């Protein structure tokens, strides 16, 4: 039961990071070459969210839902260092 609650909280905070990667898509309103990376990571997050609640592939779901964090953290650190 506690692991199921952890999975829900994991989806909430990784989902908020996935939304941060979707901001360029929302600003431009179209798919340009620039936003294909963000779309790719959102698709990986959705795949991970669906795998997270399966018994066999829940570890892969955890890894796939962390993909937006791996993508956005270096971008934000670079933007803060400028």
PDB file of N, CA and C in Angstrom:
ATOM      1  N   UNK A   1       0.827  -1.196   0.000  1.00  0.00           N
ATOM      2  CA  UNK A   1       0.000   0.000   0.000  1.00  0.00           C
ATOM      3  C   UNK A   1       0.875   1.266   0.000  1.00  0.00           C
ATOM      4  N   UNK A   2       1.914   1.257   0.801  1.00  0.00           N
ATOM      5  CA  UNK A   2       2.784   2.434   0.883  1.00  0.00           C
ATOM      6  C   UNK A   2       3.516   2.630  -0.446  1.00  0.00           C
ATOM      7  N   UNK A   3       3.894   1.525  -1.095  1.00  0.00           N
ATOM      8  CA  UNK A   3       4.567   1.638  -2.382  1.00  0.00           C
ATOM      9  C   UNK A   3       3.637   2.228  -3.436  1.00  0.00           C
ATOM     10  N   UNK A   4       2.344   1.918  -3.368  1.00  0.00           N
ATOM     11  CA  UNK A   4       1.379   2.495  -4.300  1.00  0.00           C
ATOM     12  C   UNK A   4       1.228   3.998  -4.071  1.00  0.00           C
ATOM     13  N   UNK A   5       1.243   4.408  -2.810  1.00  0.00           N
ATOM     14  CA  UNK A   5       1.177   5.843  -2.501  1.00  0.00           C
ATOM     15  C   UNK A   5       2.431   6.541  -3.001  1.00  0.00           C
ATOM     16  N   UNK A   6       3.592   5.902  -2.838  1.00  0.00           N
ATOM     17  CA  UNK A   6       4.831   6.476  -3.343  1.00  0.00           C
ATOM     18  C   UNK A   6       4.777   6.635  -4.856  1.00  0.00           C
ATOM     19  N   UNK A   7       4.207   5.648  -5.559  1.00  0.00           N
ATOM     20  CA  UNK A   7       4.121   5.752  -7.015  1.00  0.00           C
ATOM     21  C   UNK A   7       3.248   6.928  -7.436  1.00  0.00           C
ATOM     22  N   UNK A   8       2.185   7.188  -6.705  1.00  0.00           N
ATOM     23  CA  UNK A   8       1.318   8.325  -7.025  1.00  0.00           C
ATOM     24  C   UNK A   8       2.073   9.639  -6.831  1.00  0.00           C
ATOM     25  N   UNK A   9       2.784   9.780  -5.715  1.00  0.00           N
ATOM     26  CA  UNK A   9       3.571  11.000  -5.492  1.00  0.00           C
ATOM     27  C   UNK A   9       4.699  11.131  -6.504  1.00  0.00           C
ATOM     28  N   UNK A  10       5.288  10.021  -6.893  1.00  0.00           N
ATOM     29  CA  UNK A  10       6.328  10.042  -7.922  1.00  0.00           C
ATOM     30  C   UNK A  10       5.763  10.553  -9.244  1.00  0.00           C
ATOM     31  N   UNK A  11       4.561  10.102  -9.593  1.00  0.00           N
ATOM     32  CA  UNK A  11       3.925  10.590 -10.818  1.00  0.00           C
ATOM     33  C   UNK A  11       3.590  12.072 -10.737  1.00  0.00           C
ATOM     34  N   UNK A  12       3.182  12.537  -9.573  1.00  0.00           N
ATOM     35  CA  UNK A  12       2.836  13.953  -9.429  1.00  0.00           C
ATOM     36  C   UNK A  12       4.048  14.859  -9.631  1.00  0.00           C
ATOM     37  N   UNK A  13       5.153  14.557  -8.979  1.00  0.00           N
ATOM     38  CA  UNK A  13       6.282  15.477  -9.122  1.00  0.00           C
ATOM     39  C   UNK A  13       6.983  15.310 -10.454  1.00  0.00           C
ATOM     40  N   UNK A  14       7.036  14.103 -11.022  1.00  0.00           N
ATOM     41  CA  UNK A  14       7.621  13.980 -12.354  1.00  0.00           C
ATOM     42  C   UNK A  14       6.677  14.531 -13.415  1.00  0.00           C
ATOM     43  N   UNK A  15       5.376  14.479 -13.158  1.00  0.00           N
ATOM     44  CA  UNK A  15       4.417  15.074 -14.083  1.00  0.00           C
ATOM     45  C   UNK A  15       4.542  16.585 -14.136  1.00  0.00           C
ATOM     46  N   UNK A  16       4.827  17.196 -12.990  1.00  0.00           N
ATOM     47  CA  UNK A  16       5.031  18.647 -13.001  1.00  0.00           C
ATOM     48  C   UNK A  16       6.285  19.005 -13.796  1.00  0.00           C
ATOM     49  N   UNK A  17       7.316  18.174 -13.711  1.00  0.00           N
ATOM     50  CA  UNK A  17       8.508  18.419 -14.520  1.00  0.00           C
ATOM     51  C   UNK A  17       8.240  18.166 -15.999  1.00  0.00           C
ATOM     52  N   UNK A  18       7.406  17.194 -16.299  1.00  0.00           N
ATOM     53  CA  UNK A  18       7.028  16.959 -17.691  1.00  0.00           C
ATOM     54  C   UNK A  18       6.243  18.145 -18.243  1.00  0.00           C
ATOM     55  N   UNK A  19       5.449  18.781 -17.399  1.00  0.00           N
ATOM     56  CA  UNK A  19       4.733  19.985 -17.825  1.00  0.00           C
ATOM     57  C   UNK A  19       5.711  21.120 -18.107  1.00  0.00           C
ATOM     58  N   UNK A  20       6.783  21.215 -17.321  1.00  0.00           N
ATOM     59  CA  UNK A  20       7.784  22.250 -17.577  1.00  0.00           C
ATOM     60  C   UNK A  20       8.468  22.047 -18.920  1.00  0.00           C
ATOM     61  N   UNK A  21       8.659  20.800 -19.322  1.00  0.00           N
ATOM     62  CA  UNK A  21       9.246  20.564 -20.642  1.00  0.00           C
ATOM     63  C   UNK A  21       8.249  20.851 -21.741  1.00  0.00           C
ATOM     64  N   UNK A  22       6.956  20.847 -21.427  1.00  0.00           N
ATOM     65  CA  UNK A  22       5.932  21.115 -22.437  1.00  0.00           C
ATOM     66  C   UNK A  22       5.661  22.600 -22.614  1.00  0.00           C
ATOM     67  N   UNK A  23       6.249  23.452 -21.814  1.00  0.00           N
ATOM     68  CA  UNK A  23       5.995  24.894 -21.913  1.00  0.00           C
ATOM     69  C   UNK A  23       6.339  25.451 -23.297  1.00  0.00           C
ATOM     70  N   UNK A  24       7.471  25.078 -23.929  1.00  0.00           N
ATOM     71  CA  UNK A  24       7.711  25.584 -25.297  1.00  0.00           C
ATOM     72  C   UNK A  24       6.631  25.157 -26.285  1.00  0.00           C
ATOM     73  N   UNK A  25       6.071  23.978 -26.115  1.00  0.00           N
ATOM     74  CA  UNK A  25       4.982  23.538 -26.993  1.00  0.00           C
ATOM     75  C   UNK A  25       3.761  24.418 -26.784  1.00  0.00           C
ATOM     76  N   UNK A  26       3.467  24.742 -25.528  1.00  0.00           N
ATOM     77  CA  UNK A  26       2.303  25.569 -25.242  1.00  0.00           C
ATOM     78  C   UNK A  26       2.504  27.009 -25.710  1.00  0.00           C
ATOM     79  N   UNK A  27       3.730  27.509 -25.638  1.00  0.00           N
ATOM     80  CA  UNK A  27       3.997  28.885 -26.062  1.00  0.00           C
ATOM     81  C   UNK A  27       3.906  29.038 -27.569  1.00  0.00           C
ATOM     82  N   UNK A  28       4.472  28.095 -28.315  1.00  0.00           N
ATOM     83  CA  UNK A  28       4.500  28.224 -29.768  1.00  0.00           C
ATOM     84  C   UNK A  28       3.214  27.743 -30.416  1.00  0.00           C
ATOM     85  N   UNK A  29       2.554  26.791 -29.808  1.00  0.00           N
ATOM     86  CA  UNK A  29       1.299  26.302 -30.352  1.00  0.00           C
ATOM     87  C   UNK A  29       1.453  25.403 -31.560  1.00  0.00           C
ATOM     88  N   UNK A  30       2.650  25.018 -31.892  1.00  0.00           N
ATOM     89  CA  UNK A  30       2.872  24.158 -33.046  1.00  0.00           C
ATOM     90  C   UNK A  30       4.114  23.315 -32.794  1.00  0.00           C
ATOM     91  N   UNK A  31       4.262  22.293 -33.597  1.00  0.00           N
ATOM     92  CA  UNK A  31       5.437  21.437 -33.489  1.00  0.00           C
ATOM     93  C   UNK A  31       6.495  21.898 -34.482  1.00  0.00           C
ATOM     94  N   UNK A  32       7.522  22.522 -33.983  1.00  0.00           N
ATOM     95  CA  UNK A  32       8.668  22.894 -34.806  1.00  0.00           C
ATOM     96  C   UNK A  32       9.777  21.883 -34.563  1.00  0.00           C
ATOM     97  N   UNK A  33      10.896  22.075 -35.229  1.00  0.00           N
ATOM     98  CA  UNK A  33      12.036  21.201 -34.988  1.00  0.00           C
ATOM     99  C   UNK A  33      12.523  21.318 -33.547  1.00  0.00           C
ATOM    100  N   UNK A  34      12.393  22.488 -32.970  1.00  0.00           N
ATOM    101  CA  UNK A  34      12.919  22.734 -31.632  1.00  0.00           C
ATOM    102  C   UNK A  34      12.187  21.933 -30.558  1.00  0.00           C
ATOM    103  N   UNK A  35      10.892  21.711 -30.712  1.00  0.00           N
ATOM    104  CA  UNK A  35      10.115  21.085 -29.646  1.00  0.00           C
ATOM    105  C   UNK A  35       9.982  19.575 -29.797  1.00  0.00           C
ATOM    106  N   UNK A  36      10.612  18.973 -30.782  1.00  0.00           N
ATOM    107  CA  UNK A  36      10.514  17.522 -30.906  1.00  0.00           C
ATOM    108  C   UNK A  36      11.173  16.822 -29.738  1.00  0.00           C
ATOM    109  N   UNK A  37      12.238  17.383 -29.164  1.00  0.00           N
ATOM    110  CA  UNK A  37      12.868  16.782 -27.987  1.00  0.00           C
ATOM    111  C   UNK A  37      11.916  16.771 -26.801  1.00  0.00           C
ATOM    112  N   UNK A  38      11.216  17.882 -26.589  1.00  0.00           N
ATOM    113  CA  UNK A  38      10.270  17.947 -25.487  1.00  0.00           C
ATOM    114  C   UNK A  38       9.117  16.977 -25.701  1.00  0.00           C
ATOM    115  N   UNK A  39       8.652  16.852 -26.929  1.00  0.00           N
ATOM    116  CA  UNK A  39       7.572  15.916 -27.226  1.00  0.00           C
ATOM    117  C   UNK A  39       8.034  14.486 -26.994  1.00  0.00           C
ATOM    118  N   UNK A  40       9.258  14.195 -27.362  1.00  0.00           N
ATOM    119  CA  UNK A  40       9.811  12.862 -27.148  1.00  0.00           C
ATOM    120  C   UNK A  40       9.860  12.527 -25.661  1.00  0.00           C
ATOM    121  N   UNK A  41      10.309  13.473 -24.835  1.00  0.00           N
ATOM    122  CA  UNK A  41      10.390  13.198 -23.407  1.00  0.00           C
ATOM    123  C   UNK A  41       9.013  13.127 -22.757  1.00  0.00           C
ATOM    124  N   UNK A  42       8.043  13.854 -23.275  1.00  0.00           N
ATOM    125  CA  UNK A  42       6.682  13.713 -22.762  1.00  0.00           C
ATOM    126  C   UNK A  42       6.105  12.345 -23.114  1.00  0.00           C
ATOM    127  N   UNK A  43       6.414  11.851 -24.302  1.00  0.00           N
ATOM    128  CA  UNK A  43       5.945  10.515 -24.689  1.00  0.00           C
ATOM    129  C   UNK A  43       6.601   9.449 -23.818  1.00  0.00           C
ATOM    130  N   UNK A  44       7.888   9.621 -23.515  1.00  0.00           N
ATOM    131  CA  UNK A  44       8.561   8.670 -22.624  1.00  0.00           C
ATOM    132  C   UNK A  44       7.948   8.732 -21.230  1.00  0.00           C
ATOM    133  N   UNK A  45       7.591   9.928 -20.750  1.00  0.00           N
ATOM    134  CA  UNK A  45       6.962  10.045 -19.437  1.00  0.00           C
ATOM    135  C   UNK A  45       5.607   9.353 -19.433  1.00  0.00           C
ATOM    136  N   UNK A  46       4.829   9.522 -20.480  1.00  0.00           N
ATOM    137  CA  UNK A  46       3.530   8.850 -20.541  1.00  0.00           C
ATOM    138  C   UNK A  46       3.686   7.332 -20.589  1.00  0.00           C
ATOM    139  N   UNK A  47       4.687   6.857 -21.308  1.00  0.00           N
ATOM    140  CA  UNK A  47       4.967   5.425 -21.328  1.00  0.00           C
ATOM    141  C   UNK A  47       5.350   4.945 -19.926  1.00  0.00           C
ATOM    142  N   UNK A  48       6.192   5.691 -19.261  1.00  0.00           N
ATOM    143  CA  UNK A  48       6.579   5.334 -17.898  1.00  0.00           C
ATOM    144  C   UNK A  48       5.417   5.377 -16.928  1.00  0.00           C
ATOM    145  N   UNK A  49       4.522   6.342 -17.108  1.00  0.00           N
ATOM    146  CA  UNK A  49       3.348   6.429 -16.238  1.00  0.00           C
ATOM    147  C   UNK A  49       2.436   5.224 -16.423  1.00  0.00           C
ATOM    148  N   UNK A  50       2.343   4.736 -17.637  1.00  0.00           N
ATOM    149  CA  UNK A  50       1.514   3.547 -17.852  1.00  0.00           C
ATOM    150  C   UNK A  50       2.217   2.289 -17.343  1.00  0.00           C
ATOM    151  N   UNK A  51       3.542   2.233 -17.441  1.00  0.00           N
ATOM    152  CA  UNK A  51       4.276   1.063 -16.957  1.00  0.00           C
ATOM    153  C   UNK A  51       4.423   1.048 -15.438  1.00  0.00           C
ATOM    154  N   UNK A  52       4.260   2.185 -14.809  1.00  0.00           N
ATOM    155  CA  UNK A  52       4.488   2.287 -13.382  1.00  0.00           C
ATOM    156  C   UNK A  52       3.513   1.447 -12.570  1.00  0.00           C
ATOM    157  N   UNK A  53       2.327   1.241 -13.077  1.00  0.00           N
ATOM    158  CA  UNK A  53       1.321   0.505 -12.325  1.00  0.00           C
ATOM    159  C   UNK A  53       1.138  -0.928 -12.815  1.00  0.00           C
ATOM    160  N   UNK A  54       2.112  -1.445 -13.547  1.00  0.00           N
ATOM    161  CA  UNK A  54       2.118  -2.859 -13.881  1.00  0.00           C
ATOM    162  C   UNK A  54       3.070  -3.574 -12.933  1.00  0.00           C
ATOM    163  N   UNK A  55       2.795  -4.815 -12.620  1.00  0.00           N
ATOM    164  CA  UNK A  55       3.650  -5.531 -11.676  1.00  0.00           C
ATOM    165  C   UNK A  55       4.998  -5.892 -12.279  1.00  0.00           C
ATOM    166  N   UNK A  56       4.996  -6.192 -13.542  1.00  0.00           N
ATOM    167  CA  UNK A  56       6.217  -6.701 -14.160  1.00  0.00           C
ATOM    168  C   UNK A  56       7.209  -5.598 -14.518  1.00  0.00           C
ATOM    169  N   UNK A  57       6.714  -4.432 -14.945  1.00  0.00           N
ATOM    170  CA  UNK A  57       7.589  -3.385 -15.475  1.00  0.00           C
ATOM    171  C   UNK A  57       7.569  -2.103 -14.647  1.00  0.00           C
ATOM    172  N   UNK A  58       7.255  -2.186 -13.356  1.00  0.00           N
ATOM    173  CA  UNK A  58       7.163  -0.949 -12.565  1.00  0.00           C
ATOM    174  C   UNK A  58       8.520  -0.277 -12.382  1.00  0.00           C
ATOM    175  N   UNK A  59       9.619  -1.019 -12.392  1.00  0.00           N
ATOM    176  CA  UNK A  59      10.947  -0.396 -12.279  1.00  0.00           C
ATOM    177  C   UNK A  59      11.265   0.397 -13.542  1.00  0.00           C
ATOM    178  N   UNK A  60      10.902  -0.139 -14.711  1.00  0.00           N
ATOM    179  CA  UNK A  60      11.093   0.599 -15.952  1.00  0.00           C
ATOM    180  C   UNK A  60      10.212   1.852 -15.973  1.00  0.00           C
ATOM    181  N   UNK A  61       9.039   1.769 -15.386  1.00  0.00           N
ATOM    182  CA  UNK A  61       8.171   2.938 -15.289  1.00  0.00           C
ATOM    183  C   UNK A  61       8.794   4.045 -14.466  1.00  0.00           C
ATOM    184  N   UNK A  62       9.449   3.679 -13.363  1.00  0.00           N
ATOM    185  CA  UNK A  62      10.149   4.675 -12.543  1.00  0.00           C
ATOM    186  C   UNK A  62      11.273   5.345 -13.332  1.00  0.00           C
ATOM    187  N   UNK A  63      12.007   4.550 -14.090  1.00  0.00           N
ATOM    188  CA  UNK A  63      13.116   5.100 -14.874  1.00  0.00           C
ATOM    189  C   UNK A  63      12.597   6.008 -15.974  1.00  0.00           C
ATOM    190  N   UNK A  64      11.551   5.588 -16.667  1.00  0.00           N
ATOM    191  CA  UNK A  64      11.021   6.388 -17.772  1.00  0.00           C
ATOM    192  C   UNK A  64      10.365   7.672 -17.293  1.00  0.00           C
ATOM    193  N   UNK A  65       9.761   7.664 -16.115  1.00  0.00           N
ATOM    194  CA  UNK A  65       9.153   8.899 -15.627  1.00  0.00           C
ATOM    195  C   UNK A  65      10.188   9.899 -15.133  1.00  0.00           C
ATOM    196  N   UNK A  66      11.413   9.459 -14.887  1.00  0.00           N
ATOM    197  CA  UNK A  66      12.478  10.387 -14.500  1.00  0.00           C
ATOM    198  C   UNK A  66      13.150  11.048 -15.693  1.00  0.00           C
ATOM    199  N   UNK A  67      12.793  10.669 -16.911  1.00  0.00           N
ATOM    200  CA  UNK A  67      13.418  11.236 -18.114  1.00  0.00           C
ATOM    201  C   UNK A  67      13.255  12.753 -18.216  1.00  0.00           C
ATOM    202  N   UNK A  68      12.089  13.345 -17.920  1.00  0.00           N
ATOM    203  CA  UNK A  68      12.015  14.811 -17.971  1.00  0.00           C
ATOM    204  C   UNK A  68      12.945  15.497 -16.978  1.00  0.00           C
ATOM    205  N   UNK A  69      13.160  14.878 -15.808  1.00  0.00           N
ATOM    206  CA  UNK A  69      14.095  15.450 -14.836  1.00  0.00           C
ATOM    207  C   UNK A  69      15.508  15.443 -15.384  1.00  0.00           C
ATOM    208  N   UNK A  70      15.884  14.356 -16.019  1.00  0.00           N
ATOM    209  CA  UNK A  70      17.226  14.255 -16.594  1.00  0.00           C
ATOM    210  C   UNK A  70      17.406  15.287 -17.707  1.00  0.00           C
ATOM    211  N   UNK A  71      16.324  15.607 -18.409  1.00  0.00           N
ATOM    212  CA  UNK A  71      16.401  16.579 -19.501  1.00  0.00           C
ATOM    213  C   UNK A  71      16.362  18.015 -19.002  1.00  0.00           C
ATOM    214  N   UNK A  72      15.476  18.331 -18.060  1.00  0.00           N
ATOM    215  CA  UNK A  72      15.292  19.728 -17.659  1.00  0.00           C
ATOM    216  C   UNK A  72      16.321  20.219 -16.647  1.00  0.00           C
ATOM    217  N   UNK A  73      16.855  19.349 -15.812  1.00  0.00           N
ATOM    218  CA  UNK A  73      17.808  19.798 -14.792  1.00  0.00           C
ATOM    219  C   UNK A  73      19.053  20.448 -15.400  1.00  0.00           C
ATOM    220  N   UNK A  74      19.727  19.845 -16.384  1.00  0.00           N
ATOM    221  CA  UNK A  74      20.882  20.536 -16.967  1.00  0.00           C
ATOM    222  C   UNK A  74      20.511  21.831 -17.687  1.00  0.00           C
ATOM    223  N   UNK A  75      19.330  21.871 -18.288  1.00  0.00           N
ATOM    224  CA  UNK A  75      18.901  23.090 -18.976  1.00  0.00           C
ATOM    225  C   UNK A  75      18.714  24.225 -17.965  1.00  0.00           C
ATOM    226  N   UNK A  76      18.048  23.949 -16.841  1.00  0.00           N
ATOM    227  CA  UNK A  76      17.834  24.978 -15.826  1.00  0.00           C
ATOM    228  C   UNK A  76      19.145  25.397 -15.172  1.00  0.00           C
ATOM    229  N   UNK A  77      20.045  24.458 -14.949  1.00  0.00           N
ATOM    230  CA  UNK A  77      21.340  24.814 -14.362  1.00  0.00           C
ATOM    231  C   UNK A  77      22.133  25.688 -15.313  1.00  0.00           C
ATOM    232  N   UNK A  78      22.072  25.388 -16.607  1.00  0.00           N
ATOM    233  CA  UNK A  78      22.762  26.225 -17.604  1.00  0.00           C
ATOM    234  C   UNK A  78      22.138  27.617 -17.654  1.00  0.00           C
ATOM    235  N   UNK A  79      20.800  27.704 -17.589  1.00  0.00           N
ATOM    236  CA  UNK A  79      20.139  29.007 -17.639  1.00  0.00           C
ATOM    237  C   UNK A  79      20.453  29.833 -16.408  1.00  0.00           C
ATOM    238  N   UNK A  80      20.599  29.192 -15.260  1.00  0.00           N
ATOM    239  CA  UNK A  80      20.926  29.929 -14.038  1.00  0.00           C
ATOM    240  C   UNK A  80      22.385  30.392 -14.031  1.00  0.00           C
ATOM    241  N   UNK A  81      23.245  29.694 -14.731  1.00  0.00           N
ATOM    242  CA  UNK A  81      24.652  30.071 -14.722  1.00  0.00           C
ATOM    243  C   UNK A  81      24.955  31.229 -15.665  1.00  0.00           C
ATOM    244  N   UNK A  82      24.038  31.577 -16.546  1.00  0.00           N
ATOM    245  CA  UNK A  82      24.262  32.676 -17.490  1.00  0.00           C
ATOM    246  C   UNK A  82      24.137  34.005 -16.819  1.00  0.00           C
TER     247      UNK A  82
END
